[in-house]
Amino acid sequence: MDEHLLIQKYFSDIGSAYLAERNVEVSVGDDSSILNLNSDLQYVNSIDTSIEDIHFLNSMSPRDIAYRSCAVALSDLAACGANPSWYSIALTFPEVEDIWLENFSLGLKDFSDEYKIPLVGGDTTKGKLSVTVQVMGEVEKEKALLRSGARENDLIYVSGIIGDAFLQLRELQKSQNQDTGFDAYLHPKAQIALGLELIDIANSAIDISDGLIQDLNLICKSSDVGAKVYLSMIPTSVEDKTLELINSGDDYQICFTASENNSTKIKHISERLGVPITEIGKITNSKELILLDYEGNKMELGSGYSHF
């Protein structure tokens, strides 16, 4: 199939209902998309590549692959407190198969409808299956949440439940039965609403993609601080809280720090959004991240997910 016909058939109308409200003048089908700018805002950009057998299983359905690839990219915008505007995709796949592309397109539509953002462009090439997603969002000037704002005595919080994606992935690898009782790996949720609520409340934030401890350590390094985290306080769905469980990544929740003065506001945000937010420790001036076990002993940290 000709590339232009392929794009027109499977990708030309995804999220088109949201073009006007997202200030998109020209979308899929031209040489480039055209976007109208707003001088009162800053634009937040992120790009993420998912590769078969590395970032997703080859046993997954095309619909799940499409949704997951987009959601994990959007999670970076959530951690910055950005409101999503649009996304584009570079899709590499080995063969043109109508049924596969139809189902992949359905996954994109699921994503666009859930987050109300349009697909505005991209590229298609032949090769090993990979999906590169670029996302763009908006935030008021100087309001973006960064990794570098953590302060001594900030409380450390995490949203959601940590480790469910690891548990589902382990079950999928064992049986390839997608009915695992968990949905965190196949359908991760970018915490956009929470990120927006944390503007002017959180001092720093990061999305948990490579492991809770590993990603929190990036906040510490960027902010030139340390942290003390308690294993017993980390929210999981199982009682056996291992370092592997909490630090394997793919959670796509938000880890953030905030002054203790904002604890009541954070509790109200949690209740209003229906998203669990749990305090797990405190920022220190030690410039070292310490994880304490149930007996208060310092644990060896190891490492989370490695890209290379």
Protein backbone atom coordinates (compact mmCIF):
# COMPACT_ATOMS: atom_id res chain seq x y z
CA MET A 1 0.00 0.00 0.00
CA ASP A 2 1.22 3.51 -0.84
CA GLU A 3 2.33 5.38 2.29
CA HIS A 4 -0.02 8.29 1.67
CA LEU A 5 -3.00 5.96 1.24
CA LEU A 6 -1.97 4.07 4.38
CA ILE A 7 -1.85 7.29 6.41
CA GLN A 8 -5.14 8.48 5.00
CA LYS A 9 -6.85 5.14 5.73
CA TYR A 10 -5.61 4.49 9.26
CA PHE A 11 -4.37 7.75 10.80
CA SER A 12 -5.97 10.79 9.16
CA ASP A 13 -8.95 11.31 11.45
CA ILE A 14 -7.66 10.32 14.89
CA GLY A 15 -8.60 12.94 17.49
CA SER A 16 -9.87 15.35 14.84
CA ALA A 17 -12.68 16.45 17.15
CA TYR A 18 -10.08 18.14 19.36
CA LEU A 19 -8.14 20.07 16.70
CA ALA A 20 -9.80 23.45 17.27
CA GLU A 21 -9.57 23.43 21.07
CA ARG A 22 -5.90 22.41 20.84
CA ASN A 23 -5.06 25.26 18.40
CA VAL A 24 -4.17 22.98 15.48
CA GLU A 25 -4.59 24.69 12.10
CA VAL A 26 -3.40 21.86 9.82
CA SER A 27 -3.17 18.23 10.91
CA VAL A 28 -2.38 14.84 9.30
CA GLY A 29 -2.21 14.80 5.49
CA ASP A 30 0.11 17.70 4.60
CA ASP A 31 3.90 17.98 4.61
CA SER A 32 3.77 19.37 8.14
CA SER A 33 1.21 20.21 10.79
CA ILE A 34 0.57 23.88 11.61
CA LEU A 35 -0.07 24.96 15.18
CA ASN A 36 -1.28 28.30 16.51
CA LEU A 37 0.86 29.61 19.37
CA ASN A 38 -0.23 31.26 22.60
CA SER A 39 2.24 33.85 23.89
CA ASP A 40 1.01 33.51 27.48
CA LEU A 41 2.09 29.88 27.72
CA GLN A 42 5.22 27.78 27.57
CA TYR A 43 5.28 24.64 25.45
CA VAL A 44 6.36 21.37 27.02
CA ASN A 45 7.75 18.78 24.62
CA SER A 46 8.72 15.14 25.14
CA ILE A 47 9.46 12.15 22.90
CA ASP A 48 9.50 8.45 23.74
CA THR A 49 10.36 5.33 21.72
CA SER A 50 8.88 1.88 22.43
CA ILE A 51 10.52 -1.14 20.77
CA GLU A 52 9.11 -4.65 20.46
CA ASP A 53 10.45 -7.15 23.04
CA ILE A 54 12.14 -4.31 24.95
CA HIS A 55 9.34 -1.91 25.90
CA PHE A 56 6.36 -4.13 25.04
CA LEU A 57 5.79 -7.84 24.48
CA ASN A 58 5.29 -9.21 20.96
CA SER A 59 2.29 -11.12 22.34
CA MET A 60 0.42 -7.88 23.03
CA SER A 61 -2.44 -6.82 20.79
CA PRO A 62 -1.80 -3.92 18.36
CA ARG A 63 -4.49 -1.95 20.16
CA ASP A 64 -2.68 -2.31 23.49
CA ILE A 65 0.70 -1.53 21.89
CA ALA A 66 -0.64 1.72 20.44
CA TYR A 67 -2.33 2.85 23.65
CA ARG A 68 0.60 1.94 25.89
CA SER A 69 3.19 3.62 23.63
CA CYS A 70 1.24 6.88 23.70
CA ALA A 71 0.37 6.82 27.40
CA VAL A 72 3.97 6.29 28.55
CA ALA A 73 5.06 9.26 26.43
CA LEU A 74 2.31 11.45 27.84
CA SER A 75 3.34 10.60 31.39
CA ASP A 76 6.34 12.94 31.04
CA LEU A 77 3.94 15.85 30.46
CA ALA A 78 1.92 14.87 33.53
CA ALA A 79 5.02 15.12 35.70
CA CYS A 80 5.64 18.65 34.40
CA GLY A 81 2.09 19.78 35.14
CA ALA A 82 1.40 20.35 31.44
CA ASN A 83 -1.96 20.27 29.69
CA PRO A 84 -1.60 18.01 26.59
CA SER A 85 -2.07 19.68 23.20
CA TRP A 86 -1.29 17.09 20.51
CA TYR A 87 0.91 14.15 19.59
CA SER A 88 2.64 12.68 16.54
CA ILE A 89 3.89 9.17 15.79
CA ALA A 90 6.76 7.59 13.86
CA LEU A 91 5.70 3.98 13.29
CA THR A 92 8.07 1.32 12.00
CA PHE A 93 6.55 -2.09 11.24
CA PRO A 94 7.67 -5.15 9.24
CA GLU A 95 4.67 -5.74 6.95
CA VAL A 96 1.46 -3.97 5.92
CA GLU A 97 -1.36 -5.99 7.48
CA ASP A 98 -4.80 -4.43 7.37
CA ILE A 99 -6.13 -6.14 10.51
CA TRP A 100 -3.03 -5.21 12.52
CA LEU A 101 -3.16 -1.57 11.39
CA GLU A 102 -6.89 -1.34 12.01
CA ASN A 103 -6.43 -2.51 15.59
CA PHE A 104 -3.40 -0.26 16.11
CA SER A 105 -5.51 2.65 14.89
CA LEU A 106 -8.21 1.74 17.43
CA GLY A 107 -5.61 1.99 20.20
CA LEU A 108 -4.70 5.48 19.04
CA LYS A 109 -8.36 6.45 19.02
CA ASP A 110 -8.77 5.09 22.56
CA PHE A 111 -5.85 7.26 23.64
CA SER A 112 -7.03 10.40 21.80
CA ASP A 113 -10.55 10.12 23.19
CA GLU A 114 -9.38 9.53 26.76
CA TYR A 115 -7.01 12.51 26.84
CA LYS A 116 -8.88 14.62 24.25
CA ILE A 117 -5.87 15.35 22.05
CA PRO A 118 -5.43 14.92 18.29
CA LEU A 119 -2.84 13.03 16.30
CA VAL A 120 -1.30 15.73 14.07
CA GLY A 121 1.34 13.90 12.06
CA GLY A 122 4.18 11.42 11.95
CA ASP A 123 5.95 8.96 9.70
CA THR A 124 5.72 5.30 8.64
CA THR A 125 8.66 3.08 7.68
CA LYS A 126 9.39 -0.62 7.22
CA GLY A 127 11.51 -2.49 9.77
CA LYS A 128 11.42 -4.04 13.26
CA LEU A 129 8.30 -2.94 15.10
CA SER A 130 8.83 0.28 17.04
CA VAL A 131 6.64 3.23 17.98
CA THR A 132 8.07 6.70 18.61
CA VAL A 133 5.61 9.19 20.10
CA GLN A 134 6.16 12.92 20.43
CA VAL A 135 3.83 14.78 22.77
CA MET A 136 3.40 18.52 23.22
CA GLY A 137 1.63 20.31 26.03
CA GLU A 138 1.15 23.77 27.51
CA VAL A 139 1.80 25.30 30.90
CA GLU A 140 1.63 28.86 32.21
CA LYS A 141 4.98 30.61 32.05
CA GLU A 142 7.34 29.69 34.90
CA LYS A 143 4.79 27.22 36.32
CA ALA A 144 6.18 23.92 34.99
CA LEU A 145 7.08 21.28 37.56
CA LEU A 146 10.75 20.28 37.37
CA ARG A 147 13.05 17.75 39.02
CA SER A 148 15.26 20.50 40.40
CA GLY A 149 12.98 22.17 42.98
CA ALA A 150 13.08 19.77 45.94
CA ARG A 151 13.93 21.44 49.25
CA GLU A 152 15.20 20.13 52.58
CA ASN A 153 12.32 18.91 54.78
CA ASP A 154 9.95 18.55 51.82
CA LEU A 155 7.72 15.52 52.22
CA ILE A 156 8.02 12.92 49.46
CA TYR A 157 4.79 11.63 47.91
CA VAL A 158 3.88 9.08 45.29
CA SER A 159 0.59 8.65 43.44
CA GLY A 160 -1.19 5.37 42.78
CA ILE A 161 0.04 1.87 43.57
CA ILE A 162 3.66 0.94 42.91
CA GLY A 163 4.64 -2.40 41.38
CA ASP A 164 1.39 -3.49 39.72
CA ALA A 165 2.92 -3.08 36.26
CA PHE A 166 5.83 -5.31 37.30
CA LEU A 167 3.40 -7.93 38.60
CA GLN A 168 1.33 -7.91 35.40
CA LEU A 169 4.41 -8.08 33.19
CA ARG A 170 5.67 -11.08 35.17
CA GLU A 171 2.33 -12.86 34.67
CA LEU A 172 2.28 -12.00 30.96
CA GLN A 173 5.77 -13.40 30.54
CA LYS A 174 4.70 -16.62 32.23
CA SER A 175 1.41 -17.31 30.49
CA GLN A 176 0.86 -14.59 27.85
CA ASN A 177 -2.71 -14.55 29.18
CA GLN A 178 -3.63 -10.87 29.20
CA ASP A 179 -6.32 -11.43 31.85
CA THR A 180 -3.89 -11.15 34.77
CA GLY A 181 -6.02 -9.25 37.27
CA PHE A 182 -3.83 -6.18 36.74
CA ASP A 183 -4.07 -3.53 34.03
CA ALA A 184 -1.14 -1.30 34.92
CA TYR A 185 1.30 -2.66 32.34
CA LEU A 186 -1.02 -2.96 29.32
CA HIS A 187 -2.92 0.26 30.00
CA PRO A 188 -0.83 2.70 32.06
CA LYS A 189 -2.57 5.97 32.90
CA ALA A 190 -0.76 9.27 32.48
CA GLN A 191 -1.63 11.28 35.60
CA ILE A 192 -2.45 14.48 33.71
CA ALA A 193 -5.19 15.70 36.07
CA LEU A 194 -2.92 15.23 39.08
CA GLY A 195 -0.03 17.08 37.43
CA LEU A 196 -2.28 20.05 36.73
CA GLU A 197 -3.45 20.11 40.36
CA LEU A 198 0.13 20.07 41.66
CA ILE A 199 1.06 23.39 40.06
CA ASP A 200 2.00 25.83 42.86
CA ILE A 201 1.88 22.96 45.39
CA ALA A 202 4.70 20.57 44.46
CA ASN A 203 8.28 21.81 44.55
CA SER A 204 9.58 19.04 42.28
CA ALA A 205 8.17 16.08 40.37
CA ILE A 206 9.09 13.18 38.11
CA ASP A 207 7.15 10.37 36.44
CA ILE A 208 8.04 6.87 37.60
CA SER A 209 9.16 5.10 34.46
CA ASP A 210 12.47 3.47 35.42
CA GLY A 211 11.76 2.61 39.06
CA LEU A 212 10.59 4.59 42.09
CA ILE A 213 13.96 4.74 43.85
CA GLN A 214 15.93 5.31 40.66
CA ASP A 215 13.66 8.14 39.53
CA LEU A 216 13.49 9.75 42.97
CA ASN A 217 17.28 9.74 42.95
CA LEU A 218 17.13 11.90 39.80
CA ILE A 219 15.15 14.48 41.79
CA CYS A 220 17.83 14.35 44.49
CA LYS A 221 20.66 14.83 42.03
CA SER A 222 18.89 17.63 40.14
CA SER A 223 18.00 19.41 43.39
CA ASP A 224 21.33 18.71 45.14
CA VAL A 225 19.59 17.11 48.12
CA GLY A 226 19.17 13.70 49.72
CA ALA A 227 16.15 11.65 50.74
CA LYS A 228 15.04 9.21 53.41
CA VAL A 229 12.39 6.74 52.20
CA TYR A 230 10.59 4.06 54.21
CA LEU A 231 9.84 0.75 52.49
CA SER A 232 6.88 0.17 54.80
CA MET A 233 5.19 3.39 53.58
CA ILE A 234 5.42 2.66 49.85
CA PRO A 235 1.94 1.70 48.56
CA THR A 236 1.80 -1.74 46.90
CA SER A 237 -0.96 -4.25 46.25
CA VAL A 238 1.00 -7.12 47.83
CA GLU A 239 2.48 -7.46 51.32
CA ASP A 240 5.87 -8.72 50.13
CA LYS A 241 7.53 -5.38 49.34
CA THR A 242 10.81 -6.17 47.60
CA LEU A 243 13.24 -3.74 46.01
CA GLU A 244 12.58 -5.44 42.68
CA LEU A 245 8.86 -4.77 43.03
CA ILE A 246 9.17 -1.06 43.75
CA ASN A 247 12.13 -0.28 41.50
CA SER A 248 11.46 -2.14 38.25
CA GLY A 249 9.66 0.76 36.60
CA ASP A 250 6.67 1.04 34.25
CA ASP A 251 4.47 2.49 37.02
CA TYR A 252 3.95 5.87 35.28
CA GLN A 253 2.77 7.45 38.50
CA ILE A 254 4.08 10.80 39.78
CA CYS A 255 6.65 11.07 42.54
CA PHE A 256 6.77 14.60 43.92
CA THR A 257 7.95 16.65 46.87
CA ALA A 258 6.09 19.40 48.69
CA SER A 259 6.20 21.42 51.87
CA GLU A 260 4.47 19.89 54.86
CA ASN A 261 2.30 23.03 54.86
CA ASN A 262 0.59 21.69 51.73
CA SER A 263 -0.29 18.28 53.17
CA THR A 264 -3.97 19.15 53.66
CA LYS A 265 -4.26 20.47 50.09
CA ILE A 266 -2.65 17.28 48.78
CA LYS A 267 -5.12 15.16 50.76
CA HIS A 268 -8.01 17.09 49.21
CA ILE A 269 -6.54 16.67 45.71
CA SER A 270 -6.32 12.94 46.28
CA GLU A 271 -9.95 12.78 47.39
CA ARG A 272 -11.19 15.01 44.58
CA LEU A 273 -9.42 13.05 41.82
CA GLY A 274 -9.91 9.62 43.37
CA VAL A 275 -6.15 9.03 43.07
CA PRO A 276 -4.26 7.60 46.06
CA ILE A 277 -1.39 9.87 47.14
CA THR A 278 0.93 8.47 49.78
CA GLU A 279 3.69 10.07 51.82
CA ILE A 280 6.78 7.84 51.68
CA GLY A 281 9.61 9.90 53.19
CA LYS A 282 11.35 13.24 53.48
CA ILE A 283 13.98 15.27 51.63
CA THR A 284 17.24 15.72 53.57
CA ASN A 285 20.42 17.74 53.17
CA SER A 286 22.62 14.60 53.10
CA LYS A 287 22.80 14.40 49.27
CA GLU A 288 22.23 10.64 49.65
CA LEU A 289 19.06 8.66 49.03
CA ILE A 290 18.49 6.18 51.85
CA LEU A 291 15.85 3.43 51.77
CA LEU A 292 15.02 1.93 55.16
CA ASP A 293 13.53 -1.56 55.61
CA TYR A 294 10.85 -2.54 58.16
CA GLU A 295 13.43 -2.68 60.95
CA GLY A 296 14.89 0.72 60.08
CA ASN A 297 18.02 -0.73 58.48
CA LYS A 298 19.59 0.87 55.42
CA MET A 299 18.98 -1.20 52.27
CA GLU A 300 21.24 -1.73 49.29
CA LEU A 301 19.59 0.16 46.44
CA GLY A 302 20.80 -1.68 43.35
CA SER A 303 19.39 -0.16 40.16
CA GLY A 304 16.10 0.17 38.32
CA TYR A 305 15.44 -0.17 34.60
CA SER A 306 18.43 0.47 32.35
CA HIS A 307 18.01 1.87 28.82
CA PHE A 308 21.33 0.48 27.63
